[in-house]
Amino acid sequence: MKKLIPFLILALSFVSAFSASANDNKDERTKARQEKWEQFRQEKNAFYVKTMELTDEQASQFIPLFEEMEKKKFEANREVRHEARAIINGSNITDEQYKAAADRAASLHAREADIEKEYYARFCNILTPRQQFLYHRCEAEFQKQMIHQRHKKDKQRESCK
């Protein structure tokens, strides 16, 4: 029994040290992910400002509205993803639950379009007709740019091997 107590103390201290290290790593990963997301948001906003040729005044009005719209669209997507995940991980799911989830997923694009329409009406108070036109092209152009950058990074990684 006397030999067991030191062993238990040693084992507990090892487990607690490992657990603290794991939590620190998780916190670092979360912080790094948040920083990466913030950098992505800033790059996207800068791309829109540059592509749409916004003045400083227009940018100061447009960007907060744009971010608000993006957040609403993200939340709509999150709800559908959470529901789908719950069904995938659940058991004894009824056909009605499957149908309800499928219906919400199918109507997601319409919901996003409604959000876009709502904010586009507000954007029109800030943007010129030319900028309104450019706004609609920005998302596709930004995605192209991001894909191009990703391919460029992948090629650099391959050449370093």
C-alpha atoms as a PDB file:
ATOM      1  CA  MET A   1       0.000   0.000   0.000  1.00  0.00           C
ATOM      2  CA  LYS A   2       2.851   2.389   0.859  1.00  0.00           C
ATOM      3  CA  LYS A   3       4.371   1.797  -2.587  1.00  0.00           C
ATOM      4  CA  LEU A   4       1.030   2.484  -4.277  1.00  0.00           C
ATOM      5  CA  ILE A   5       0.564   5.998  -2.846  1.00  0.00           C
ATOM      6  CA  PRO A   6       3.736   7.514  -4.394  1.00  0.00           C
ATOM      7  CA  PHE A   7       2.872   5.852  -7.682  1.00  0.00           C
ATOM      8  CA  LEU A   8      -0.648   7.354  -7.603  1.00  0.00           C
ATOM      9  CA  ILE A   9       0.726  10.802  -6.766  1.00  0.00           C
ATOM     10  CA  LEU A  10       3.205  10.570  -9.632  1.00  0.00           C
ATOM     11  CA  ALA A  11       0.498   9.371 -12.034  1.00  0.00           C
ATOM     12  CA  LEU A  12      -1.899  12.168 -10.999  1.00  0.00           C
ATOM     13  CA  SER A  13       0.761  14.849 -11.394  1.00  0.00           C
ATOM     14  CA  PHE A  14       1.624  13.497 -14.856  1.00  0.00           C
ATOM     15  CA  VAL A  15      -2.038  13.473 -15.905  1.00  0.00           C
ATOM     16  CA  SER A  16      -2.659  16.991 -14.593  1.00  0.00           C
ATOM     17  CA  ALA A  17       0.475  18.326 -16.329  1.00  0.00           C
ATOM     18  CA  PHE A  18      -0.564  16.663 -19.598  1.00  0.00           C
ATOM     19  CA  SER A  19      -4.086  18.038 -19.260  1.00  0.00           C
ATOM     20  CA  ALA A  20      -2.809  21.576 -18.642  1.00  0.00           C
ATOM     21  CA  SER A  21      -0.534  21.293 -21.663  1.00  0.00           C
ATOM     22  CA  ALA A  22      -3.423  20.089 -23.823  1.00  0.00           C
ATOM     23  CA  ASN A  23      -5.583  23.024 -22.682  1.00  0.00           C
ATOM     24  CA  ASP A  24      -2.764  25.477 -23.460  1.00  0.00           C
ATOM     25  CA  ASN A  25      -2.423  23.993 -26.948  1.00  0.00           C
ATOM     26  CA  LYS A  26      -6.171  24.228 -27.483  1.00  0.00           C
ATOM     27  CA  ASP A  27      -6.169  27.870 -26.367  1.00  0.00           C
ATOM     28  CA  GLU A  28      -3.263  28.613 -28.720  1.00  0.00           C
ATOM     29  CA  ARG A  29      -5.053  26.919 -31.620  1.00  0.00           C
ATOM     30  CA  THR A  30      -8.248  28.847 -30.890  1.00  0.00           C
ATOM     31  CA  LYS A  31      -6.340  32.116 -30.721  1.00  0.00           C
ATOM     32  CA  ALA A  32      -4.468  31.331 -33.944  1.00  0.00           C
ATOM     33  CA  ARG A  33      -7.747  30.453 -35.684  1.00  0.00           C
ATOM     34  CA  GLN A  34      -9.323  33.711 -34.517  1.00  0.00           C
ATOM     35  CA  GLU A  35      -6.318  35.706 -35.713  1.00  0.00           C
ATOM     36  CA  LYS A  36      -6.423  33.949 -39.079  1.00  0.00           C
ATOM     37  CA  TRP A  37     -10.157  34.656 -39.381  1.00  0.00           C
ATOM     38  CA  GLU A  38      -9.614  38.328 -38.510  1.00  0.00           C
ATOM     39  CA  GLN A  39      -6.857  38.582 -41.122  1.00  0.00           C
ATOM     40  CA  PHE A  40      -9.151  36.958 -43.707  1.00  0.00           C
ATOM     41  CA  ARG A  41     -11.950  39.436 -42.874  1.00  0.00           C
ATOM     42  CA  GLN A  42      -9.584  42.386 -43.217  1.00  0.00           C
ATOM     43  CA  GLU A  43      -8.282  41.107 -46.557  1.00  0.00           C
ATOM     44  CA  LYS A  44     -11.824  40.606 -47.830  1.00  0.00           C
ATOM     45  CA  ASN A  45     -12.919  44.059 -46.703  1.00  0.00           C
ATOM     46  CA  ALA A  46      -9.842  45.642 -48.281  1.00  0.00           C
ATOM     47  CA  PHE A  47     -10.547  43.774 -51.515  1.00  0.00           C
ATOM     48  CA  TYR A  48     -14.121  45.087 -51.610  1.00  0.00           C
ATOM     49  CA  VAL A  49     -13.018  48.649 -50.838  1.00  0.00           C
ATOM     50  CA  LYS A  50     -10.362  48.543 -53.565  1.00  0.00           C
ATOM     51  CA  THR A  51     -12.444  46.741 -56.210  1.00  0.00           C
ATOM     52  CA  MET A  52     -15.502  48.911 -55.666  1.00  0.00           C
ATOM     53  CA  GLU A  53     -13.320  52.031 -55.437  1.00  0.00           C
ATOM     54  CA  LEU A  54     -14.966  53.201 -52.226  1.00  0.00           C
ATOM     55  CA  THR A  55     -14.119  56.531 -50.707  1.00  0.00           C
ATOM     56  CA  ASP A  56     -13.133  56.581 -47.036  1.00  0.00           C
ATOM     57  CA  GLU A  57     -16.586  57.843 -46.125  1.00  0.00           C
ATOM     58  CA  GLN A  58     -18.309  55.145 -48.186  1.00  0.00           C
ATOM     59  CA  ALA A  59     -16.045  52.467 -46.727  1.00  0.00           C
ATOM     60  CA  SER A  60     -16.800  53.589 -43.167  1.00  0.00           C
ATOM     61  CA  GLN A  61     -20.524  53.154 -43.894  1.00  0.00           C
ATOM     62  CA  PHE A  62     -20.373  50.094 -46.156  1.00  0.00           C
ATOM     63  CA  ILE A  63     -17.985  47.805 -44.246  1.00  0.00           C
ATOM     64  CA  PRO A  64     -19.984  47.640 -40.969  1.00  0.00           C
ATOM     65  CA  LEU A  65     -23.184  46.907 -42.928  1.00  0.00           C
ATOM     66  CA  PHE A  66     -21.400  44.339 -45.061  1.00  0.00           C
ATOM     67  CA  GLU A  67     -19.983  42.584 -41.991  1.00  0.00           C
ATOM     68  CA  GLU A  68     -23.416  42.615 -40.355  1.00  0.00           C
ATOM     69  CA  MET A  69     -24.887  40.972 -43.466  1.00  0.00           C
ATOM     70  CA  GLU A  70     -22.087  38.386 -43.590  1.00  0.00           C
ATOM     71  CA  LYS A  71     -22.693  37.551 -39.924  1.00  0.00           C
ATOM     72  CA  LYS A  72     -26.415  36.991 -40.529  1.00  0.00           C
ATOM     73  CA  LYS A  73     -25.669  34.722 -43.477  1.00  0.00           C
ATOM     74  CA  PHE A  74     -23.088  32.824 -41.411  1.00  0.00           C
ATOM     75  CA  GLU A  75     -25.598  32.324 -38.592  1.00  0.00           C
ATOM     76  CA  ALA A  76     -28.205  31.017 -41.044  1.00  0.00           C
ATOM     77  CA  ASN A  77     -25.655  28.518 -42.351  1.00  0.00           C
ATOM     78  CA  ARG A  78     -24.597  27.576 -38.819  1.00  0.00           C
ATOM     79  CA  GLU A  79     -28.164  26.714 -37.842  1.00  0.00           C
ATOM     80  CA  VAL A  80     -28.517  24.353 -40.794  1.00  0.00           C
ATOM     81  CA  ARG A  81     -25.098  22.774 -40.110  1.00  0.00           C
ATOM     82  CA  HIS A  82     -25.910  22.222 -36.422  1.00  0.00           C
ATOM     83  CA  GLU A  83     -29.220  20.635 -37.289  1.00  0.00           C
ATOM     84  CA  ALA A  84     -27.575  18.349 -39.851  1.00  0.00           C
ATOM     85  CA  ARG A  85     -24.864  17.383 -37.364  1.00  0.00           C
ATOM     86  CA  ALA A  86     -27.480  16.580 -34.723  1.00  0.00           C
ATOM     87  CA  ILE A  87     -29.287  14.300 -37.146  1.00  0.00           C
ATOM     88  CA  ILE A  88     -26.087  12.595 -38.296  1.00  0.00           C
ATOM     89  CA  ASN A  89     -25.032  11.955 -34.691  1.00  0.00           C
ATOM     90  CA  GLY A  90     -28.524  11.095 -33.488  1.00  0.00           C
ATOM     91  CA  SER A  91     -30.379   7.851 -33.410  1.00  0.00           C
ATOM     92  CA  ASN A  92     -34.014   6.964 -34.030  1.00  0.00           C
ATOM     93  CA  ILE A  93     -34.457   9.930 -36.362  1.00  0.00           C
ATOM     94  CA  THR A  94     -37.931  10.091 -37.818  1.00  0.00           C
ATOM     95  CA  ASP A  95     -38.761  10.750 -41.452  1.00  0.00           C
ATOM     96  CA  GLU A  96     -40.369  14.026 -40.356  1.00  0.00           C
ATOM     97  CA  GLN A  97     -37.104  15.165 -38.762  1.00  0.00           C
ATOM     98  CA  TYR A  98     -35.154  14.237 -41.890  1.00  0.00           C
ATOM     99  CA  LYS A  99     -37.677  16.083 -44.059  1.00  0.00           C
ATOM    100  CA  ALA A 100     -37.661  19.192 -41.845  1.00  0.00           C
ATOM    101  CA  ALA A 101     -33.865  19.329 -41.923  1.00  0.00           C
ATOM    102  CA  ALA A 102     -33.776  18.786 -45.678  1.00  0.00           C
ATOM    103  CA  ASP A 103     -36.390  21.514 -46.190  1.00  0.00           C
ATOM    104  CA  ARG A 104     -34.376  23.990 -44.117  1.00  0.00           C
ATOM    105  CA  ALA A 105     -31.197  23.114 -46.012  1.00  0.00           C
ATOM    106  CA  ALA A 106     -33.013  23.539 -49.331  1.00  0.00           C
ATOM    107  CA  SER A 107     -34.394  26.920 -48.298  1.00  0.00           C
ATOM    108  CA  LEU A 108     -31.007  28.167 -47.072  1.00  0.00           C
ATOM    109  CA  HIS A 109     -30.133  29.795 -50.392  1.00  0.00           C
ATOM    110  CA  ALA A 110     -33.468  31.608 -50.415  1.00  0.00           C
ATOM    111  CA  ARG A 111     -32.854  32.797 -46.861  1.00  0.00           C
ATOM    112  CA  GLU A 112     -29.399  34.055 -47.819  1.00  0.00           C
ATOM    113  CA  ALA A 113     -30.912  35.788 -50.862  1.00  0.00           C
ATOM    114  CA  ASP A 114     -33.456  37.519 -48.619  1.00  0.00           C
ATOM    115  CA  ILE A 115     -30.641  38.742 -46.379  1.00  0.00           C
ATOM    116  CA  GLU A 116     -28.720  39.948 -49.456  1.00  0.00           C
ATOM    117  CA  LYS A 117     -31.790  41.825 -50.758  1.00  0.00           C
ATOM    118  CA  GLU A 118     -32.369  43.467 -47.398  1.00  0.00           C
ATOM    119  CA  TYR A 119     -28.798  44.730 -47.187  1.00  0.00           C
ATOM    120  CA  TYR A 120     -28.477  45.550 -50.874  1.00  0.00           C
ATOM    121  CA  ALA A 121     -31.311  48.050 -50.457  1.00  0.00           C
ATOM    122  CA  ARG A 122     -29.274  49.657 -47.670  1.00  0.00           C
ATOM    123  CA  PHE A 123     -26.072  49.532 -49.739  1.00  0.00           C
ATOM    124  CA  CYS A 124     -27.812  51.499 -52.491  1.00  0.00           C
ATOM    125  CA  ASN A 125     -27.983  54.478 -50.114  1.00  0.00           C
ATOM    126  CA  ILE A 126     -24.180  54.418 -49.884  1.00  0.00           C
ATOM    127  CA  LEU A 127     -22.955  53.217 -53.272  1.00  0.00           C
ATOM    128  CA  THR A 128     -23.063  54.720 -56.740  1.00  0.00           C
ATOM    129  CA  PRO A 129     -24.741  52.641 -59.499  1.00  0.00           C
ATOM    130  CA  ARG A 130     -21.289  51.621 -60.784  1.00  0.00           C
ATOM    131  CA  GLN A 131     -20.239  50.508 -57.296  1.00  0.00           C
ATOM    132  CA  GLN A 132     -23.497  48.588 -56.922  1.00  0.00           C
ATOM    133  CA  PHE A 133     -22.627  46.710 -60.099  1.00  0.00           C
ATOM    134  CA  LEU A 134     -19.074  46.051 -58.903  1.00  0.00           C
ATOM    135  CA  TYR A 135     -20.362  44.821 -55.546  1.00  0.00           C
ATOM    136  CA  HIS A 136     -22.072  41.888 -57.248  1.00  0.00           C
ATOM    137  CA  ARG A 137     -18.841  40.896 -58.959  1.00  0.00           C
ATOM    138  CA  CYS A 138     -16.696  41.185 -55.837  1.00  0.00           C
ATOM    139  CA  GLU A 139     -17.551  37.871 -54.203  1.00  0.00           C
ATOM    140  CA  ALA A 140     -16.730  35.808 -57.293  1.00  0.00           C
ATOM    141  CA  GLU A 141     -13.553  37.798 -57.887  1.00  0.00           C
ATOM    142  CA  PHE A 142     -12.496  37.437 -54.265  1.00  0.00           C
ATOM    143  CA  GLN A 143     -13.046  33.678 -54.403  1.00  0.00           C
ATOM    144  CA  LYS A 144     -10.971  33.461 -57.594  1.00  0.00           C
ATOM    145  CA  GLN A 145      -8.193  35.412 -55.896  1.00  0.00           C
ATOM    146  CA  MET A 146      -8.267  33.132 -52.845  1.00  0.00           C
ATOM    147  CA  ILE A 147      -8.138  29.996 -55.019  1.00  0.00           C
ATOM    148  CA  HIS A 148      -5.237  31.459 -56.990  1.00  0.00           C
ATOM    149  CA  GLN A 149      -3.344  32.228 -53.776  1.00  0.00           C
ATOM    150  CA  ARG A 150      -4.013  28.712 -52.480  1.00  0.00           C
ATOM    151  CA  HIS A 151      -2.673  27.128 -55.685  1.00  0.00           C
ATOM    152  CA  LYS A 152       0.373  29.369 -55.497  1.00  0.00           C
ATOM    153  CA  LYS A 153       1.081  28.267 -51.902  1.00  0.00           C
ATOM    154  CA  ASP A 154       0.576  24.607 -52.840  1.00  0.00           C
ATOM    155  CA  LYS A 155       3.057  24.904 -55.701  1.00  0.00           C
ATOM    156  CA  GLN A 156       5.593  26.556 -53.401  1.00  0.00           C
ATOM    157  CA  ARG A 157       5.219  23.710 -50.910  1.00  0.00           C
ATOM    158  CA  GLU A 158       5.693  21.135 -53.662  1.00  0.00           C
ATOM    159  CA  SER A 159       8.851  22.839 -54.926  1.00  0.00           C
ATOM    160  CA  CYS A 160      10.322  22.872 -51.403  1.00  0.00           C
ATOM    161  CA  LYS A 161      10.006  19.103 -51.046  1.00  0.00           C
END
